[in-house]
Protein backbone atom coordinates (compact mmCIF):
# COMPACT_ATOMS: atom_id res chain seq x y z
CA MET A 1 -0.16 -0.48 0.03
CA LYS A 2 2.38 3.09 -1.40
CA ASP A 3 1.66 5.97 -3.14
CA LEU A 4 -1.32 6.32 -2.62
CA LEU A 5 -2.00 9.98 -3.40
CA ASN A 6 -2.51 9.75 -7.06
CA ASP A 7 -4.12 5.98 -6.63
CA PRO A 8 -7.28 6.38 -8.98
CA ARG A 9 -9.21 3.97 -6.15
CA PHE A 10 -9.08 6.86 -3.91
CA ALA A 11 -7.98 10.32 -5.36
CA LEU A 12 -10.12 12.35 -7.26
CA SER A 13 -8.10 15.58 -8.24
CA GLU A 14 -9.85 17.11 -11.29
CA PRO A 15 -13.17 18.59 -11.23
CA GLY A 16 -16.07 16.42 -13.51
CA VAL A 17 -18.86 13.76 -12.93
CA PHE A 18 -18.70 12.11 -9.84
CA ARG A 19 -20.27 8.77 -8.78
CA PHE A 20 -19.87 6.70 -5.58
CA ALA A 21 -20.66 3.56 -7.70
CA ASP A 22 -16.93 4.02 -9.60
CA TYR A 23 -15.51 3.77 -5.51
CA ALA A 24 -15.49 0.62 -3.01
CA THR A 25 -16.64 0.84 0.23
CA ASP A 26 -14.88 -1.84 1.17
CA LEU A 27 -11.42 -3.50 -0.14
CA SER A 28 -11.21 -7.01 0.25
CA THR A 29 -7.34 -7.10 -0.44
CA GLU A 30 -7.40 -4.99 2.80
CA LYS A 31 -8.25 -7.22 5.48
CA ASP A 32 -5.86 -8.49 7.93
CA LYS A 33 -6.19 -6.32 11.22
CA LYS A 34 -3.14 -7.46 12.43
CA GLU A 35 -1.45 -6.39 9.34
CA LEU A 36 -3.43 -3.08 8.84
CA LYS A 37 -2.61 -1.47 12.53
CA GLU A 38 1.17 -2.35 12.24
CA ARG A 39 1.23 -0.16 8.90
CA LEU A 40 -0.56 2.16 10.73
CA GLU A 41 1.80 2.37 13.62
CA LYS A 42 4.63 2.88 10.99
CA ASP A 43 2.97 5.84 9.28
CA ARG A 44 2.19 6.92 12.54
CA GLU A 45 5.68 7.57 13.49
CA ARG A 46 6.27 9.30 10.32
CA ILE A 47 3.53 11.90 10.50
CA ALA A 48 5.02 12.57 14.14
CA ASP A 49 8.96 12.88 12.54
CA ARG A 50 7.14 15.27 9.89
CA GLN A 51 4.81 17.16 11.33
CA GLU A 52 7.99 18.11 13.87
CA LEU A 53 9.79 19.42 10.31
CA LEU A 54 6.41 21.15 9.57
CA TYR A 55 6.63 23.04 12.81
CA ALA A 56 10.47 23.64 12.54
CA SER A 57 10.07 25.14 9.37
CA GLY A 58 7.12 27.66 10.09
CA THR A 59 6.31 28.04 6.17
CA HIS A 60 3.15 25.37 5.91
CA SER A 61 0.35 24.02 6.48
CA LEU A 62 -1.63 20.59 5.80
CA LEU A 63 -5.45 21.21 6.27
CA LEU A 64 -7.54 17.91 6.89
CA ILE A 65 -10.93 17.55 6.00
CA PHE A 66 -13.32 14.47 7.32
CA GLN A 67 -16.33 14.06 5.56
CA ALA A 68 -19.06 11.15 5.81
CA MET A 69 -22.62 10.24 6.69
CA ASP A 70 -22.87 9.46 10.37
CA ALA A 71 -21.09 6.19 11.98
CA ALA A 72 -19.01 6.35 9.19
CA GLY A 73 -15.50 6.33 11.85
CA LYS A 74 -14.46 9.95 11.18
CA ASP A 75 -13.86 10.43 15.34
CA SER A 76 -12.33 7.41 15.25
CA ALA A 77 -9.54 7.51 11.98
CA ILE A 78 -8.41 11.16 13.54
CA ARG A 79 -8.02 9.98 17.07
CA HIS A 80 -6.10 6.89 15.57
CA VAL A 81 -3.97 8.72 12.89
CA MET A 82 -2.88 11.62 14.87
CA SER A 83 -2.52 9.81 18.24
CA GLY A 84 1.16 9.72 18.09
CA VAL A 85 1.89 13.70 17.32
CA ASN A 86 2.69 16.55 19.28
CA PRO A 87 -0.38 18.05 20.26
CA GLN A 88 1.28 21.70 20.21
CA GLY A 89 1.24 21.28 16.18
CA VAL A 90 -2.21 19.89 15.59
CA ARG A 91 -5.75 21.54 16.27
CA VAL A 92 -8.76 19.78 15.71
CA TRP A 93 -12.56 21.51 15.12
CA SER A 94 -16.09 20.08 15.23
CA PHE A 95 -18.07 21.90 13.61
CA LYS A 96 -21.77 21.85 14.45
CA ALA A 97 -24.99 24.17 13.43
CA PRO A 98 -23.70 27.42 12.97
CA SER A 99 -24.54 30.22 16.29
CA THR A 100 -26.37 33.53 15.43
CA LEU A 101 -23.74 34.84 15.11
CA GLU A 102 -21.82 32.90 12.27
CA ARG A 103 -25.32 32.99 10.40
CA SER A 104 -24.55 36.54 10.57
CA HIS A 105 -21.41 36.04 8.25
CA ASP A 106 -21.09 34.89 5.11
CA PHE A 107 -20.48 30.81 5.61
CA LEU A 108 -16.95 30.75 4.67
CA TRP A 109 -16.51 33.32 7.62
CA ARG A 110 -16.75 30.59 10.72
CA HIS A 111 -14.00 28.32 8.93
CA TYR A 112 -11.80 30.52 7.77
CA GLN A 113 -11.17 31.34 11.22
CA ALA A 114 -10.11 27.67 11.67
CA VAL A 115 -7.70 27.31 8.97
CA PRO A 116 -4.14 26.59 10.37
CA GLU A 117 -1.29 28.90 11.07
CA ARG A 118 1.80 28.19 9.32
CA GLY A 119 3.87 25.04 11.06
CA HIS A 120 0.63 23.48 12.34
CA ILE A 121 -2.02 20.69 10.91
CA GLY A 122 -6.14 21.73 11.55
CA ILE A 123 -8.82 19.02 11.07
CA HIS A 124 -11.90 19.97 10.46
CA ASN A 125 -14.07 17.70 11.24
CA ARG A 126 -16.96 17.84 9.23
CA SER A 127 -16.70 21.69 7.51
CA HIS A 128 -18.32 24.16 4.93
CA TYR A 129 -18.58 21.20 2.82
CA GLU A 130 -22.03 21.05 5.02
CA GLU A 131 -23.19 24.38 3.36
CA VAL A 132 -23.80 22.66 0.01
CA LEU A 133 -24.90 19.20 1.77
CA VAL A 134 -27.31 19.07 4.66
CA THR A 135 -28.47 22.74 3.45
CA LYS A 136 -29.19 21.32 0.05
CA VAL A 137 -30.86 18.32 1.22
CA HIS A 138 -32.84 20.23 4.23
CA PRO A 139 -32.97 23.52 1.88
CA GLU A 140 -35.33 25.78 4.45
CA TYR A 141 -32.07 26.23 6.61
CA ILE A 142 -30.59 28.26 3.86
CA VAL A 143 -33.74 30.87 4.38
CA GLY A 144 -32.68 30.97 8.10
CA GLN A 145 -29.27 32.46 6.71
CA ARG A 146 -30.86 36.25 6.10
CA ILE A 147 -29.19 35.91 2.87
CA PRO A 148 -30.14 38.92 0.37
CA SER A 149 -33.25 37.66 -2.07
CA ILE A 150 -33.27 33.46 -0.41
CA ASP A 151 -36.83 34.50 1.96
CA THR A 152 -38.17 31.31 0.90
CA VAL A 153 -37.34 27.48 -0.80
CA GLY A 154 -38.79 28.47 -3.87
CA ALA A 155 -36.32 31.35 -4.05
CA ILE A 156 -33.45 28.77 -4.17
CA THR A 157 -31.95 28.19 -7.72
CA GLU A 158 -29.62 25.57 -9.28
CA GLY A 159 -27.33 29.24 -9.60
CA PHE A 160 -27.33 29.17 -6.41
CA TRP A 161 -25.20 26.14 -5.48
CA GLU A 162 -23.16 26.50 -8.27
CA GLU A 163 -22.09 30.08 -6.38
CA ARG A 164 -21.26 28.27 -3.74
CA TYR A 165 -19.38 25.82 -5.49
CA ALA A 166 -17.32 28.52 -6.94
CA ALA A 167 -16.79 30.21 -3.59
CA ILE A 168 -15.34 27.26 -2.24
CA ARG A 169 -12.89 26.53 -5.02
CA ALA A 170 -11.62 30.23 -4.95
CA TRP A 171 -11.20 30.14 -1.35
CA GLU A 172 -9.25 26.99 -1.04
CA GLN A 173 -7.28 27.90 -4.19
CA GLN A 174 -6.31 30.95 -2.15
CA LEU A 175 -5.36 29.14 1.06
CA ALA A 176 -3.66 26.83 -1.13
CA GLN A 177 -1.39 29.79 -2.91
CA SER A 178 -1.01 30.96 0.89
CA GLY A 179 0.81 27.88 2.08
CA THR A 180 -2.01 25.51 3.15
CA ALA A 181 -1.97 22.11 1.87
CA ILE A 182 -5.19 20.56 1.52
CA MET A 183 -6.53 17.08 1.69
CA LYS A 184 -10.74 16.13 2.00
CA PHE A 185 -11.45 12.54 2.70
CA TYR A 186 -14.97 11.23 2.15
CA LEU A 187 -15.46 8.63 4.06
CA HIS A 188 -17.46 6.14 1.67
CA MET A 189 -19.65 3.83 3.99
CA SER A 190 -22.15 1.72 2.64
CA LYS A 191 -25.60 1.45 3.80
CA ALA A 192 -25.61 -1.67 4.66
CA ALA A 193 -22.81 -0.91 7.45
CA GLN A 194 -24.11 1.98 8.11
CA LYS A 195 -27.62 0.09 9.46
CA ALA A 196 -25.09 -2.08 11.51
CA ARG A 197 -23.29 0.90 13.47
CA PHE A 198 -26.39 1.98 14.36
CA LEU A 199 -27.93 -1.39 15.91
CA GLU A 200 -24.50 -1.98 17.66
CA ARG A 201 -25.15 1.56 19.38
CA ILE A 202 -28.45 0.77 20.63
CA ASP A 203 -27.41 -2.81 21.35
CA ASP A 204 -24.59 -2.37 23.40
CA PRO A 205 -25.18 -0.20 26.43
CA LYS A 206 -21.61 1.18 26.56
CA LYS A 207 -22.18 2.73 23.26
CA ASN A 208 -25.44 4.16 23.76
CA TRP A 209 -24.23 7.59 23.98
CA LYS A 210 -23.14 7.79 20.33
CA PHE A 211 -26.76 6.86 19.30
CA ASN A 212 -28.89 10.25 18.42
CA ALA A 213 -32.13 9.54 17.18
CA ASP A 214 -31.83 12.03 14.89
CA ASP A 215 -29.66 10.42 12.65
CA VAL A 216 -31.80 7.54 11.81
CA LYS A 217 -33.87 10.53 10.75
CA GLU A 218 -31.24 11.98 8.63
CA ARG A 219 -30.94 8.15 7.43
CA GLY A 220 -34.34 8.40 5.42
CA HIS A 221 -32.64 11.04 3.00
CA TRP A 222 -29.74 9.12 2.28
CA GLU A 223 -30.09 9.16 -1.52
CA GLU A 224 -30.05 13.04 -1.49
CA TYR A 225 -27.31 12.94 0.50
CA MET A 226 -25.18 10.62 -1.85
CA GLN A 227 -26.21 13.10 -5.31
CA ALA A 228 -25.60 16.12 -2.75
CA TYR A 229 -21.93 14.62 -2.31
CA GLU A 230 -21.90 13.70 -5.58
CA GLN A 231 -22.27 17.38 -6.63
CA ALA A 232 -20.18 18.78 -4.80
CA ILE A 233 -16.99 16.71 -4.93
CA GLY A 234 -17.23 16.39 -8.44
CA ALA A 235 -17.83 20.28 -8.67
CA THR A 236 -14.55 21.59 -5.73
CA ALA A 237 -11.81 18.19 -6.69
CA ALA A 238 -8.96 20.04 -7.75
CA PRO A 239 -5.09 19.23 -7.69
CA HIS A 240 -4.57 21.76 -4.81
CA ALA A 241 -7.41 19.80 -2.72
CA PRO A 242 -7.88 16.67 -4.04
CA TRP A 243 -10.52 14.54 -2.52
CA TYR A 244 -9.92 11.13 -1.55
CA ILE A 245 -13.02 8.79 -1.15
CA VAL A 246 -11.72 6.32 1.41
CA PRO A 247 -13.29 2.74 2.32
CA ALA A 248 -15.14 2.96 5.38
CA ASP A 249 -17.07 -0.73 5.96
CA ASP A 250 -13.90 -1.65 7.45
CA GLN A 251 -12.56 1.03 10.17
CA TRP A 252 -9.41 -0.54 10.62
CA GLU A 253 -8.63 -0.12 6.84
CA THR A 254 -10.31 3.33 6.65
CA ARG A 255 -7.87 4.00 9.67
CA ALA A 256 -4.45 2.23 7.36
CA ILE A 257 -5.45 4.22 3.70
CA VAL A 258 -5.79 7.98 5.86
CA GLY A 259 -2.78 7.90 8.03
CA ARG A 260 -0.67 6.50 4.16
CA LEU A 261 -2.33 9.21 2.73
CA VAL A 262 -1.48 12.00 5.44
CA ARG A 263 2.45 10.39 5.64
CA GLU A 264 2.59 10.57 1.87
CA ARG A 265 1.26 14.42 1.65
CA LEU A 266 3.47 15.57 4.16
CA GLU A 267 6.41 13.51 3.03
CA ALA A 268 5.73 15.65 -0.47
CA MET A 269 5.92 18.82 0.61
CA ARG A 270 9.64 18.09 1.19
CA LEU A 271 9.89 19.47 4.54
CA ALA A 272 13.58 20.34 5.77
CA THR A 273 15.15 21.91 9.00
CA PRO A 274 15.26 25.37 8.74
CA ALA A 275 19.00 26.37 7.84
CA MET A 276 20.68 28.75 11.26
CA PRO A 277 21.66 32.40 9.63
CA SER A 278 25.72 32.42 10.16
CA GLU A 279 25.39 34.96 13.08
CA GLU A 280 23.08 32.76 14.70
CA GLN A 281 25.12 29.63 14.30
CA THR A 282 28.41 32.06 15.73
CA GLN A 283 26.36 32.31 19.00
CA LEU A 284 25.34 28.80 19.42
CA ALA A 285 29.17 27.96 18.95
CA ALA A 286 30.09 30.83 21.60
CA ALA A 287 26.98 29.57 23.80
CA ARG A 288 28.44 25.58 23.54
CA GLU A 289 31.80 27.07 24.12
CA GLN A 290 30.11 28.75 27.22
CA LEU A 291 28.78 25.84 28.72
CA MET A 292 32.27 23.23 28.33
CA ARG A 293 34.13 26.28 30.60
CA GLU A 294 31.34 25.49 33.36
CA SER A 295 32.59 23.52 36.29
CA ASP A 296 30.67 20.09 36.73
CA SER A 297 31.76 20.04 40.57
CA ARG A 298 27.54 21.56 41.39
């Protein structure tokens, strides 16, 4: 499992017609759980090393965006892949329904506040894409955003969504040009796998807290969500902001693939420890000489 960044089984880096039917929710060749764990552990070590270089160089940042249907494993993928990195250089944002303040700004405003600074990794657990996904399935949410000329659901035209896709593309391009590498993950889970996970959460008392009855209501809109995702992914895939369609029926498979993709992306950034200016090198030499003259008798 190598060079996944451009693997057509997962990667989509050009806009166009996109269909989930062309991508697997499960890879039958990647089923050895022990091997998947070992691969992930090795990749985590490499990710940690590269994150240190990212932090030291301070010239670029990495933004990881996770989207999926409920119970696809976003939280666990983030936890397992990023568990070995220095928490000082990583921050996770989990976006819920926008607040009153956030609704008083444009839809990208709150996400711009969460862009990682140079040297850091930022993780968006759900993201600005919710504004062309859940709002497309439930257009009444748009009416509540106080957008000029949008006072009823009937006022939302196809052109409105195209404008939002264009805004997303422009924003992501601007981020990339300013030094933020972007990776967008869709955890591709089958409807049958979601049903099994919902039932597990209901039947296992230790997992009851994970279950929300509203999740079942949203499951009733499965086909609408699939169509909204297909349109959004097809409209916003780009070389500087590719989508990765990651099989999600087996969670260890998901974690191993995401871990390898993140590792490869960090390695592709060709990060290096910053060179010290000659003046600072002189200061280092002087400091070393002073330390060496000190007595160790104390």
